Amino acid sequence: MATERQKRILRVVTATIPRAPFIDAEAIREAARSRHMRSLSPETAVWLATVARIRHEHTDYDELMDDGYDRDAARFFVADDINAVLDRWGARRRLDPTVAEEHETEEIGEGVAEE
């Protein structure tokens, strides 16, 4: 049986990115439920997991990092790509490349890791 937090995360994912493919939504839910995200609100955990999932699975971010770009530069260069995916997924919120995301953690979970 799902906990209240798990139910809330499910609702937040559905409200935040209603058109996300199932495989991405499931990975985001899993990451948002991870142990190190428990101190965050479900809304914050889902947002951070969403941005991380898109960054690593749907942009050239990792290649930029491999090419020697620093984290901030690589994030800046993929911000438009992240926002394009957010648009396709029906998100109302956008990533601002000039503002660091609050509460960013070193790891967001299996397959959705921050550097």
PDB file of N, CA and C in Angstrom:
ATOM      1  N   MET A   1       0.847  -1.186   0.000  1.00  0.00           N
ATOM      2  CA  MET A   1       0.000   0.000   0.000  1.00  0.00           C
ATOM      3  C   MET A   1       0.889   1.245   0.000  1.00  0.00           C
ATOM      4  N   ALA A   2       0.521   2.205  -0.793  1.00  0.00           N
ATOM      5  CA  ALA A   2       1.306   3.429  -0.936  1.00  0.00           C
ATOM      6  C   ALA A   2       1.139   4.337   0.278  1.00  0.00           C
ATOM      7  N   THR A   3       2.230   4.994   0.632  1.00  0.00           N
ATOM      8  CA  THR A   3       2.173   5.971   1.713  1.00  0.00           C
ATOM      9  C   THR A   3       1.519   7.252   1.199  1.00  0.00           C
ATOM     10  N   GLU A   4       1.180   8.136   2.112  1.00  0.00           N
ATOM     11  CA  GLU A   4       0.595   9.418   1.704  1.00  0.00           C
ATOM     12  C   GLU A   4       1.580  10.208   0.845  1.00  0.00           C
ATOM     13  N   ARG A   5       2.873  10.169   1.198  1.00  0.00           N
ATOM     14  CA  ARG A   5       3.878  10.876   0.399  1.00  0.00           C
ATOM     15  C   ARG A   5       3.950  10.295  -1.015  1.00  0.00           C
ATOM     16  N   GLN A   6       3.925   8.985  -1.139  1.00  0.00           N
ATOM     17  CA  GLN A   6       3.971   8.357  -2.461  1.00  0.00           C
ATOM     18  C   GLN A   6       2.763   8.753  -3.302  1.00  0.00           C
ATOM     19  N   LYS A   7       1.594   8.804  -2.677  1.00  0.00           N
ATOM     20  CA  LYS A   7       0.384   9.223  -3.385  1.00  0.00           C
ATOM     21  C   LYS A   7       0.502  10.675  -3.824  1.00  0.00           C
ATOM     22  N   ARG A   8       1.049  11.497  -2.953  1.00  0.00           N
ATOM     23  CA  ARG A   8       1.203  12.913  -3.289  1.00  0.00           C
ATOM     24  C   ARG A   8       2.198  13.100  -4.435  1.00  0.00           C
ATOM     25  N   ILE A   9       3.300  12.344  -4.401  1.00  0.00           N
ATOM     26  CA  ILE A   9       4.277  12.408  -5.494  1.00  0.00           C
ATOM     27  C   ILE A   9       3.622  11.999  -6.812  1.00  0.00           C
ATOM     28  N   LEU A  10       2.822  10.963  -6.790  1.00  0.00           N
ATOM     29  CA  LEU A  10       2.109  10.520  -7.991  1.00  0.00           C
ATOM     30  C   LEU A  10       1.229  11.645  -8.530  1.00  0.00           C
ATOM     31  N   ARG A  11       0.488  12.292  -7.635  1.00  0.00           N
ATOM     32  CA  ARG A  11      -0.382  13.398  -8.059  1.00  0.00           C
ATOM     33  C   ARG A  11       0.433  14.577  -8.598  1.00  0.00           C
ATOM     34  N   VAL A  12       1.565  14.872  -7.954  1.00  0.00           N
ATOM     35  CA  VAL A  12       2.401  15.993  -8.388  1.00  0.00           C
ATOM     36  C   VAL A  12       3.005  15.707  -9.761  1.00  0.00           C
ATOM     37  N   VAL A  13       3.472  14.492  -9.991  1.00  0.00           N
ATOM     38  CA  VAL A  13       4.020  14.146 -11.308  1.00  0.00           C
ATOM     39  C   VAL A  13       2.939  14.333 -12.367  1.00  0.00           C
ATOM     40  N   THR A  14       1.750  13.844 -12.117  1.00  0.00           N
ATOM     41  CA  THR A  14       0.647  13.960 -13.072  1.00  0.00           C
ATOM     42  C   THR A  14       0.297  15.428 -13.332  1.00  0.00           C
ATOM     43  N   ALA A  15       0.308  16.238 -12.296  1.00  0.00           N
ATOM     44  CA  ALA A  15      -0.027  17.659 -12.448  1.00  0.00           C
ATOM     45  C   ALA A  15       1.114  18.448 -13.088  1.00  0.00           C
ATOM     46  N   THR A  16       2.343  18.074 -12.787  1.00  0.00           N
ATOM     47  CA  THR A  16       3.505  18.838 -13.247  1.00  0.00           C
ATOM     48  C   THR A  16       3.857  18.535 -14.695  1.00  0.00           C
ATOM     49  N   ILE A  17       3.836  17.267 -15.062  1.00  0.00           N
ATOM     50  CA  ILE A  17       4.228  16.851 -16.420  1.00  0.00           C
ATOM     51  C   ILE A  17       3.202  15.839 -16.956  1.00  0.00           C
ATOM     52  N   PRO A  18       2.001  16.313 -17.255  1.00  0.00           N
ATOM     53  CA  PRO A  18       0.911  15.390 -17.598  1.00  0.00           C
ATOM     54  C   PRO A  18       1.124  14.573 -18.863  1.00  0.00           C
ATOM     55  N   ARG A  19       1.957  15.033 -19.781  1.00  0.00           N
ATOM     56  CA  ARG A  19       2.160  14.290 -21.032  1.00  0.00           C
ATOM     57  C   ARG A  19       3.517  13.592 -21.100  1.00  0.00           C
ATOM     58  N   ALA A  20       4.175  13.447 -19.977  1.00  0.00           N
ATOM     59  CA  ALA A  20       5.469  12.757 -19.966  1.00  0.00           C
ATOM     60  C   ALA A  20       5.274  11.285 -20.319  1.00  0.00           C
ATOM     61  N   PRO A  21       6.192  10.725 -21.101  1.00  0.00           N
ATOM     62  CA  PRO A  21       6.120   9.285 -21.376  1.00  0.00           C
ATOM     63  C   PRO A  21       6.191   8.487 -20.070  1.00  0.00           C
ATOM     64  N   PHE A  22       5.506   7.360 -20.062  1.00  0.00           N
ATOM     65  CA  PHE A  22       5.424   6.548 -18.846  1.00  0.00           C
ATOM     66  C   PHE A  22       6.806   6.223 -18.282  1.00  0.00           C
ATOM     67  N   ILE A  23       7.742   5.834 -19.129  1.00  0.00           N
ATOM     68  CA  ILE A  23       9.066   5.429 -18.639  1.00  0.00           C
ATOM     69  C   ILE A  23       9.764   6.590 -17.921  1.00  0.00           C
ATOM     70  N   ASP A  24       9.603   7.797 -18.445  1.00  0.00           N
ATOM     71  CA  ASP A  24      10.199   8.965 -17.794  1.00  0.00           C
ATOM     72  C   ASP A  24       9.449   9.304 -16.513  1.00  0.00           C
ATOM     73  N   ALA A  25       8.139   9.288 -16.562  1.00  0.00           N
ATOM     74  CA  ALA A  25       7.350   9.603 -15.362  1.00  0.00           C
ATOM     75  C   ALA A  25       7.651   8.614 -14.239  1.00  0.00           C
ATOM     76  N   GLU A  26       7.788   7.346 -14.585  1.00  0.00           N
ATOM     77  CA  GLU A  26       8.092   6.333 -13.567  1.00  0.00           C
ATOM     78  C   GLU A  26       9.472   6.570 -12.951  1.00  0.00           C
ATOM     79  N   ALA A  27      10.462   6.892 -13.778  1.00  0.00           N
ATOM     80  CA  ALA A  27      11.809   7.175 -13.263  1.00  0.00           C
ATOM     81  C   ALA A  27      11.803   8.415 -12.382  1.00  0.00           C
ATOM     82  N   ILE A  28      11.028   9.405 -12.746  1.00  0.00           N
ATOM     83  CA  ILE A  28      10.928  10.630 -11.952  1.00  0.00           C
ATOM     84  C   ILE A  28      10.252  10.346 -10.624  1.00  0.00           C
ATOM     85  N   ARG A  29       9.183   9.571 -10.640  1.00  0.00           N
ATOM     86  CA  ARG A  29       8.522   9.190  -9.376  1.00  0.00           C
ATOM     87  C   ARG A  29       9.491   8.441  -8.467  1.00  0.00           C
ATOM     88  N   GLU A  30      10.218   7.509  -9.033  1.00  0.00           N
ATOM     89  CA  GLU A  30      11.182   6.733  -8.247  1.00  0.00           C
ATOM     90  C   GLU A  30      12.245   7.647  -7.631  1.00  0.00           C
ATOM     91  N   ALA A  31      12.772   8.554  -8.430  1.00  0.00           N
ATOM     92  CA  ALA A  31      13.800   9.471  -7.928  1.00  0.00           C
ATOM     93  C   ALA A  31      13.239  10.392  -6.846  1.00  0.00           C
ATOM     94  N   ALA A  32      12.025  10.881  -7.036  1.00  0.00           N
ATOM     95  CA  ALA A  32      11.408  11.783  -6.059  1.00  0.00           C
ATOM     96  C   ALA A  32      11.120  11.077  -4.741  1.00  0.00           C
ATOM     97  N   ARG A  33      10.939   9.752  -4.796  1.00  0.00           N
ATOM     98  CA  ARG A  33      10.683   8.970  -3.570  1.00  0.00           C
ATOM     99  C   ARG A  33      11.963   8.531  -2.868  1.00  0.00           C
ATOM    100  N   SER A  34      13.119   8.813  -3.453  1.00  0.00           N
ATOM    101  CA  SER A  34      14.367   8.314  -2.883  1.00  0.00           C
ATOM    102  C   SER A  34      14.646   8.910  -1.509  1.00  0.00           C
ATOM    103  N   ARG A  35      15.449   8.224  -0.762  1.00  0.00           N
ATOM    104  CA  ARG A  35      15.736   8.571   0.630  1.00  0.00           C
ATOM    105  C   ARG A  35      16.238  10.009   0.788  1.00  0.00           C
ATOM    106  N   HIS A  36      17.166  10.434  -0.047  1.00  0.00           N
ATOM    107  CA  HIS A  36      17.746  11.768   0.137  1.00  0.00           C
ATOM    108  C   HIS A  36      16.813  12.893  -0.306  1.00  0.00           C
ATOM    109  N   MET A  37      15.664  12.567  -0.855  1.00  0.00           N
ATOM    110  CA  MET A  37      14.668  13.576  -1.232  1.00  0.00           C
ATOM    111  C   MET A  37      13.575  13.734  -0.173  1.00  0.00           C
ATOM    112  N   ARG A  38      13.613  12.918   0.848  1.00  0.00           N
ATOM    113  CA  ARG A  38      12.540  12.918   1.845  1.00  0.00           C
ATOM    114  C   ARG A  38      12.400  14.234   2.594  1.00  0.00           C
ATOM    115  N   SER A  39      13.475  14.974   2.729  1.00  0.00           N
ATOM    116  CA  SER A  39      13.388  16.241   3.460  1.00  0.00           C
ATOM    117  C   SER A  39      12.770  17.354   2.602  1.00  0.00           C
ATOM    118  N   LEU A  40      12.587  17.089   1.316  1.00  0.00           N
ATOM    119  CA  LEU A  40      12.010  18.069   0.410  1.00  0.00           C
ATOM    120  C   LEU A  40      10.511  17.847   0.265  1.00  0.00           C
ATOM    121  N   SER A  41       9.798  18.893  -0.080  1.00  0.00           N
ATOM    122  CA  SER A  41       8.377  18.721  -0.370  1.00  0.00           C
ATOM    123  C   SER A  41       8.245  17.849  -1.621  1.00  0.00           C
ATOM    124  N   PRO A  42       7.135  17.160  -1.768  1.00  0.00           N
ATOM    125  CA  PRO A  42       6.939  16.377  -2.987  1.00  0.00           C
ATOM    126  C   PRO A  42       7.055  17.232  -4.249  1.00  0.00           C
ATOM    127  N   GLU A  43       6.582  18.462  -4.192  1.00  0.00           N
ATOM    128  CA  GLU A  43       6.659  19.346  -5.350  1.00  0.00           C
ATOM    129  C   GLU A  43       8.110  19.638  -5.735  1.00  0.00           C
ATOM    130  N   THR A  44       8.933  19.940  -4.742  1.00  0.00           N
ATOM    131  CA  THR A  44      10.345  20.219  -5.001  1.00  0.00           C
ATOM    132  C   THR A  44      11.070  18.969  -5.471  1.00  0.00           C
ATOM    133  N   ALA A  45      10.798  17.847  -4.818  1.00  0.00           N
ATOM    134  CA  ALA A  45      11.448  16.593  -5.199  1.00  0.00           C
ATOM    135  C   ALA A  45      11.101  16.211  -6.638  1.00  0.00           C
ATOM    136  N   VAL A  46       9.848  16.358  -7.011  1.00  0.00           N
ATOM    137  CA  VAL A  46       9.431  16.022  -8.376  1.00  0.00           C
ATOM    138  C   VAL A  46      10.076  16.975  -9.375  1.00  0.00           C
ATOM    139  N   TRP A  47      10.111  18.266  -9.068  1.00  0.00           N
ATOM    140  CA  TRP A  47      10.722  19.225  -9.996  1.00  0.00           C
ATOM    141  C   TRP A  47      12.201  18.903 -10.210  1.00  0.00           C
ATOM    142  N   LEU A  48      12.937  18.686  -9.132  1.00  0.00           N
ATOM    143  CA  LEU A  48      14.366  18.386  -9.265  1.00  0.00           C
ATOM    144  C   LEU A  48      14.590  17.076 -10.013  1.00  0.00           C
ATOM    145  N   ALA A  49      13.785  16.081  -9.719  1.00  0.00           N
ATOM    146  CA  ALA A  49      13.912  14.798 -10.412  1.00  0.00           C
ATOM    147  C   ALA A  49      13.554  14.940 -11.890  1.00  0.00           C
ATOM    148  N   THR A  50      12.564  15.762 -12.194  1.00  0.00           N
ATOM    149  CA  THR A  50      12.163  15.988 -13.586  1.00  0.00           C
ATOM    150  C   THR A  50      13.278  16.655 -14.365  1.00  0.00           C
ATOM    151  N   VAL A  51      13.818  17.733 -13.824  1.00  0.00           N
ATOM    152  CA  VAL A  51      14.887  18.458 -14.515  1.00  0.00           C
ATOM    153  C   VAL A  51      16.109  17.555 -14.694  1.00  0.00           C
ATOM    154  N   ALA A  52      16.460  16.801 -13.670  1.00  0.00           N
ATOM    155  CA  ALA A  52      17.614  15.910 -13.770  1.00  0.00           C
ATOM    156  C   ALA A  52      17.380  14.823 -14.813  1.00  0.00           C
ATOM    157  N   ARG A  53      16.188  14.249 -14.827  1.00  0.00           N
ATOM    158  CA  ARG A  53      15.874  13.195 -15.804  1.00  0.00           C
ATOM    159  C   ARG A  53      15.994  13.736 -17.226  1.00  0.00           C
ATOM    160  N   ILE A  54      15.405  14.883 -17.456  1.00  0.00           N
ATOM    161  CA  ILE A  54      15.472  15.473 -18.797  1.00  0.00           C
ATOM    162  C   ILE A  54      16.914  15.802 -19.153  1.00  0.00           C
ATOM    163  N   ARG A  55      17.624  16.427 -18.221  1.00  0.00           N
ATOM    164  CA  ARG A  55      19.008  16.836 -18.489  1.00  0.00           C
ATOM    165  C   ARG A  55      19.860  15.654 -18.925  1.00  0.00           C
ATOM    166  N   HIS A  56      19.729  14.545 -18.217  1.00  0.00           N
ATOM    167  CA  HIS A  56      20.611  13.401 -18.479  1.00  0.00           C
ATOM    168  C   HIS A  56      20.106  12.480 -19.583  1.00  0.00           C
ATOM    169  N   GLU A  57      18.803  12.406 -19.789  1.00  0.00           N
ATOM    170  CA  GLU A  57      18.257  11.453 -20.756  1.00  0.00           C
ATOM    171  C   GLU A  57      17.815  12.088 -22.070  1.00  0.00           C
ATOM    172  N   HIS A  58      17.620  13.405 -22.101  1.00  0.00           N
ATOM    173  CA  HIS A  58      17.033  14.023 -23.285  1.00  0.00           C
ATOM    174  C   HIS A  58      17.834  15.218 -23.810  1.00  0.00           C
ATOM    175  N   THR A  59      19.048  15.420 -23.313  1.00  0.00           N
ATOM    176  CA  THR A  59      19.895  16.513 -23.809  1.00  0.00           C
ATOM    177  C   THR A  59      21.324  16.007 -23.998  1.00  0.00           C
ATOM    178  N   ASP A  60      22.171  16.890 -24.484  1.00  0.00           N
ATOM    179  CA  ASP A  60      23.590  16.578 -24.673  1.00  0.00           C
ATOM    180  C   ASP A  60      24.425  16.929 -23.449  1.00  0.00           C
ATOM    181  N   TYR A  61      23.797  17.088 -22.315  1.00  0.00           N
ATOM    182  CA  TYR A  61      24.488  17.520 -21.103  1.00  0.00           C
ATOM    183  C   TYR A  61      25.692  16.642 -20.758  1.00  0.00           C
ATOM    184  N   ASP A  62      25.504  15.353 -20.727  1.00  0.00           N
ATOM    185  CA  ASP A  62      26.601  14.459 -20.342  1.00  0.00           C
ATOM    186  C   ASP A  62      27.754  14.534 -21.340  1.00  0.00           C
ATOM    187  N   GLU A  63      27.440  14.684 -22.617  1.00  0.00           N
ATOM    188  CA  GLU A  63      28.491  14.834 -23.621  1.00  0.00           C
ATOM    189  C   GLU A  63      29.261  16.138 -23.412  1.00  0.00           C
ATOM    190  N   LEU A  64      28.545  17.212 -23.088  1.00  0.00           N
ATOM    191  CA  LEU A  64      29.214  18.484 -22.802  1.00  0.00           C
ATOM    192  C   LEU A  64      30.159  18.340 -21.609  1.00  0.00           C
ATOM    193  N   MET A  65      29.694  17.649 -20.583  1.00  0.00           N
ATOM    194  CA  MET A  65      30.540  17.425 -19.408  1.00  0.00           C
ATOM    195  C   MET A  65      31.767  16.597 -19.800  1.00  0.00           C
ATOM    196  N   ASP A  66      31.562  15.568 -20.613  1.00  0.00           N
ATOM    197  CA  ASP A  66      32.679  14.739 -21.080  1.00  0.00           C
ATOM    198  C   ASP A  66      33.663  15.542 -21.931  1.00  0.00           C
ATOM    199  N   ASP A  67      33.160  16.562 -22.621  1.00  0.00           N
ATOM    200  CA  ASP A  67      34.013  17.410 -23.453  1.00  0.00           C
ATOM    201  C   ASP A  67      34.748  18.477 -22.651  1.00  0.00           C
ATOM    202  N   GLY A  68      34.533  18.516 -21.345  1.00  0.00           N
ATOM    203  CA  GLY A  68      35.282  19.434 -20.492  1.00  0.00           C
ATOM    204  C   GLY A  68      34.565  20.688 -20.054  1.00  0.00           C
ATOM    205  N   TYR A  69      33.298  20.836 -20.439  1.00  0.00           N
ATOM    206  CA  TYR A  69      32.555  21.995 -19.944  1.00  0.00           C
ATOM    207  C   TYR A  69      32.332  21.844 -18.450  1.00  0.00           C
ATOM    208  N   ASP A  70      32.332  22.962 -17.733  1.00  0.00           N
ATOM    209  CA  ASP A  70      32.005  22.857 -16.309  1.00  0.00           C
ATOM    210  C   ASP A  70      30.491  22.726 -16.170  1.00  0.00           C
ATOM    211  N   ARG A  71      30.064  22.339 -14.991  1.00  0.00           N
ATOM    212  CA  ARG A  71      28.657  22.039 -14.744  1.00  0.00           C
ATOM    213  C   ARG A  71      27.748  23.213 -15.089  1.00  0.00           C
ATOM    214  N   ASP A  72      28.103  24.412 -14.660  1.00  0.00           N
ATOM    215  CA  ASP A  72      27.241  25.570 -14.911  1.00  0.00           C
ATOM    216  C   ASP A  72      27.125  25.872 -16.404  1.00  0.00           C
ATOM    217  N   ALA A  73      28.231  25.798 -17.124  1.00  0.00           N
ATOM    218  CA  ALA A  73      28.194  26.057 -18.563  1.00  0.00           C
ATOM    219  C   ALA A  73      27.366  24.995 -19.278  1.00  0.00           C
ATOM    220  N   ALA A  74      27.581  23.740 -18.940  1.00  0.00           N
ATOM    221  CA  ALA A  74      26.819  22.660 -19.578  1.00  0.00           C
ATOM    222  C   ALA A  74      25.329  22.822 -19.295  1.00  0.00           C
ATOM    223  N   ARG A  75      24.990  23.171 -18.070  1.00  0.00           N
ATOM    224  CA  ARG A  75      23.579  23.376 -17.732  1.00  0.00           C
ATOM    225  C   ARG A  75      22.993  24.545 -18.512  1.00  0.00           C
ATOM    226  N   PHE A  76      23.748  25.603 -18.660  1.00  0.00           N
ATOM    227  CA  PHE A  76      23.275  26.754 -19.417  1.00  0.00           C
ATOM    228  C   PHE A  76      22.984  26.369 -20.863  1.00  0.00           C
ATOM    229  N   PHE A  77      23.883  25.607 -21.466  1.00  0.00           N
ATOM    230  CA  PHE A  77      23.734  25.251 -22.872  1.00  0.00           C
ATOM    231  C   PHE A  77      22.585  24.285 -23.142  1.00  0.00           C
ATOM    232  N   VAL A  78      22.149  23.527 -22.160  1.00  0.00           N
ATOM    233  CA  VAL A  78      21.036  22.594 -22.388  1.00  0.00           C
ATOM    234  C   VAL A  78      19.706  23.116 -21.852  1.00  0.00           C
ATOM    235  N   ALA A  79      19.695  24.304 -21.279  1.00  0.00           N
ATOM    236  CA  ALA A  79      18.463  24.836 -20.681  1.00  0.00           C
ATOM    237  C   ALA A  79      17.325  24.931 -21.698  1.00  0.00           C
ATOM    238  N   ASP A  80      17.599  25.401 -22.903  1.00  0.00           N
ATOM    239  CA  ASP A  80      16.538  25.493 -23.911  1.00  0.00           C
ATOM    240  C   ASP A  80      16.007  24.117 -24.293  1.00  0.00           C
ATOM    241  N   ASP A  81      16.898  23.137 -24.361  1.00  0.00           N
ATOM    242  CA  ASP A  81      16.466  21.764 -24.664  1.00  0.00           C
ATOM    243  C   ASP A  81      15.584  21.213 -23.542  1.00  0.00           C
ATOM    244  N   ILE A  82      15.962  21.495 -22.310  1.00  0.00           N
ATOM    245  CA  ILE A  82      15.149  21.056 -21.168  1.00  0.00           C
ATOM    246  C   ILE A  82      13.771  21.697 -21.241  1.00  0.00           C
ATOM    247  N   ASN A  83      13.727  22.988 -21.511  1.00  0.00           N
ATOM    248  CA  ASN A  83      12.440  23.679 -21.603  1.00  0.00           C
ATOM    249  C   ASN A  83      11.590  23.161 -22.762  1.00  0.00           C
ATOM    250  N   ALA A  84      12.224  22.755 -23.863  1.00  0.00           N
ATOM    251  CA  ALA A  84      11.477  22.181 -24.983  1.00  0.00           C
ATOM    252  C   ALA A  84      10.817  20.860 -24.575  1.00  0.00           C
ATOM    253  N   VAL A  85      11.537  20.040 -23.817  1.00  0.00           N
ATOM    254  CA  VAL A  85      10.954  18.784 -23.335  1.00  0.00           C
ATOM    255  C   VAL A  85       9.835  19.088 -22.336  1.00  0.00           C
ATOM    256  N   LEU A  86      10.063  20.029 -21.447  1.00  0.00           N
ATOM    257  CA  LEU A  86       9.010  20.420 -20.497  1.00  0.00           C
ATOM    258  C   LEU A  86       7.751  20.866 -21.256  1.00  0.00           C
ATOM    259  N   ASP A  87       7.934  21.608 -22.336  1.00  0.00           N
ATOM    260  CA  ASP A  87       6.791  22.027 -23.165  1.00  0.00           C
ATOM    261  C   ASP A  87       6.053  20.818 -23.732  1.00  0.00           C
ATOM    262  N   ARG A  88       6.804  19.868 -24.295  1.00  0.00           N
ATOM    263  CA  ARG A  88       6.176  18.665 -24.872  1.00  0.00           C
ATOM    264  C   ARG A  88       5.435  17.862 -23.817  1.00  0.00           C
ATOM    265  N   TRP A  89       5.953  17.872 -22.600  1.00  0.00           N
ATOM    266  CA  TRP A  89       5.349  17.106 -21.519  1.00  0.00           C
ATOM    267  C   TRP A  89       4.213  17.857 -20.824  1.00  0.00           C
ATOM    268  N   GLY A  90       3.904  19.064 -21.281  1.00  0.00           N
ATOM    269  CA  GLY A  90       2.773  19.806 -20.734  1.00  0.00           C
ATOM    270  C   GLY A  90       3.055  20.546 -19.439  1.00  0.00           C
ATOM    271  N   ALA A  91       4.316  20.774 -19.132  1.00  0.00           N
ATOM    272  CA  ALA A  91       4.666  21.478 -17.892  1.00  0.00           C
ATOM    273  C   ALA A  91       4.336  22.961 -18.023  1.00  0.00           C
ATOM    274  N   ARG A  92       3.908  23.559 -16.934  1.00  0.00           N
ATOM    275  CA  ARG A  92       3.657  24.998 -16.905  1.00  0.00           C
ATOM    276  C   ARG A  92       4.883  25.764 -16.440  1.00  0.00           C
ATOM    277  N   ARG A  93       5.739  25.104 -15.715  1.00  0.00           N
ATOM    278  CA  ARG A  93       6.947  25.731 -15.181  1.00  0.00           C
ATOM    279  C   ARG A  93       8.090  25.532 -16.170  1.00  0.00           C
ATOM    280  N   ARG A  94       9.018  26.487 -16.189  1.00  0.00           N
ATOM    281  CA  ARG A  94      10.193  26.410 -17.049  1.00  0.00           C
ATOM    282  C   ARG A  94      11.448  26.547 -16.213  1.00  0.00           C
ATOM    283  N   LEU A  95      12.528  26.055 -16.744  1.00  0.00           N
ATOM    284  CA  LEU A  95      13.828  26.161 -16.107  1.00  0.00           C
ATOM    285  C   LEU A  95      14.452  27.493 -16.497  1.00  0.00           C
ATOM    286  N   ASP A  96      14.924  28.248 -15.525  1.00  0.00           N
ATOM    287  CA  ASP A  96      15.630  29.502 -15.778  1.00  0.00           C
ATOM    288  C   ASP A  96      17.120  29.200 -15.715  1.00  0.00           C
ATOM    289  N   PRO A  97      17.834  29.269 -16.841  1.00  0.00           N
ATOM    290  CA  PRO A  97      19.249  28.879 -16.854  1.00  0.00           C
ATOM    291  C   PRO A  97      20.147  29.816 -16.051  1.00  0.00           C
ATOM    292  N   THR A  98      19.648  30.978 -15.678  1.00  0.00           N
ATOM    293  CA  THR A  98      20.475  31.922 -14.929  1.00  0.00           C
ATOM    294  C   THR A  98      20.335  31.759 -13.422  1.00  0.00           C
ATOM    295  N   VAL A  99      19.432  30.882 -12.992  1.00  0.00           N
ATOM    296  CA  VAL A  99      19.190  30.687 -11.567  1.00  0.00           C
ATOM    297  C   VAL A  99      19.481  29.239 -11.197  1.00  0.00           C
ATOM    298  N   ALA A 100      20.331  29.036 -10.201  1.00  0.00           N
ATOM    299  CA  ALA A 100      20.612  27.676  -9.729  1.00  0.00           C
ATOM    300  C   ALA A 100      19.358  27.132  -9.053  1.00  0.00           C
ATOM    301  N   GLU A 101      19.064  25.866  -9.320  1.00  0.00           N
ATOM    302  CA  GLU A 101      17.914  25.237  -8.689  1.00  0.00           C
ATOM    303  C   GLU A 101      18.173  25.082  -7.200  1.00  0.00           C
ATOM    304  N   GLU A 102      17.187  25.438  -6.395  1.00  0.00           N
ATOM    305  CA  GLU A 102      17.310  25.270  -4.956  1.00  0.00           C
ATOM    306  C   GLU A 102      17.369  23.790  -4.599  1.00  0.00           C
ATOM    307  N   HIS A 103      18.056  23.499  -3.535  1.00  0.00           N
ATOM    308  CA  HIS A 103      18.107  22.146  -2.961  1.00  0.00           C
ATOM    309  C   HIS A 103      18.714  21.123  -3.889  1.00  0.00           C
ATOM    310  N   GLU A 104      19.516  21.550  -4.874  1.00  0.00           N
ATOM    311  CA  GLU A 104      20.108  20.549  -5.742  1.00  0.00           C
ATOM    312  C   GLU A 104      21.005  19.643  -4.913  1.00  0.00           C
ATOM    313  N   THR A 105      20.926  18.379  -5.209  1.00  0.00           N
ATOM    314  CA  THR A 105      21.689  17.393  -4.465  1.00  0.00           C
ATOM    315  C   THR A 105      22.718  16.769  -5.378  1.00  0.00           C
ATOM    316  N   GLU A 106      23.649  16.077  -4.790  1.00  0.00           N
ATOM    317  CA  GLU A 106      24.685  15.422  -5.582  1.00  0.00           C
ATOM    318  C   GLU A 106      24.125  14.262  -6.384  1.00  0.00           C
ATOM    319  N   GLU A 107      23.151  13.556  -5.852  1.00  0.00           N
ATOM    320  CA  GLU A 107      22.559  12.449  -6.603  1.00  0.00           C
ATOM    321  C   GLU A 107      21.056  12.491  -6.430  1.00  0.00           C
ATOM    322  N   ILE A 108      20.341  12.333  -7.531  1.00  0.00           N
ATOM    323  CA  ILE A 108      18.886  12.365  -7.517  1.00  0.00           C
ATOM    324  C   ILE A 108      18.334  10.949  -7.653  1.00  0.00           C
ATOM    325  N   GLY A 109      19.150   9.974  -7.737  1.00  0.00           N
ATOM    326  CA  GLY A 109      18.657   8.614  -7.791  1.00  0.00           C
ATOM    327  C   GLY A 109      19.188   7.857  -8.989  1.00  0.00           C
ATOM    328  N   GLU A 110      18.918   6.592  -9.025  1.00  0.00           N
ATOM    329  CA  GLU A 110      19.370   5.698 -10.087  1.00  0.00           C
ATOM    330  C   GLU A 110      18.930   6.217 -11.445  1.00  0.00           C
ATOM    331  N   GLY A 111      19.887   6.481 -12.316  1.00  0.00           N
ATOM    332  CA  GLY A 111      19.572   6.913 -13.658  1.00  0.00           C
ATOM    333  C   GLY A 111      19.185   8.372 -13.774  1.00  0.00           C
ATOM    334  N   VAL A 112      19.106   9.071 -12.657  1.00  0.00           N
ATOM    335  CA  VAL A 112      18.711  10.467 -12.668  1.00  0.00           C
ATOM    336  C   VAL A 112      19.685  11.217 -11.761  1.00  0.00           C
ATOM    337  N   ALA A 113      20.954  11.002 -11.963  1.00  0.00           N
ATOM    338  CA  ALA A 113      21.972  11.551 -11.063  1.00  0.00           C
ATOM    339  C   ALA A 113      22.398  12.952 -11.463  1.00  0.00           C
ATOM    340  N   GLU A 114      22.538  13.787 -10.494  1.00  0.00           N
ATOM    341  CA  GLU A 114      23.175  15.079 -10.671  1.00  0.00           C
ATOM    342  C   GLU A 114      24.662  14.828 -10.538  1.00  0.00           C
ATOM    343  N   GLU A 115      25.462  15.701 -11.098  1.00  0.00           N
ATOM    344  CA  GLU A 115      26.907  15.483 -11.078  1.00  0.00           C
ATOM    345  C   GLU A 115      27.437  15.497  -9.668  1.00  0.00           C
TER     346      GLU A 115
END
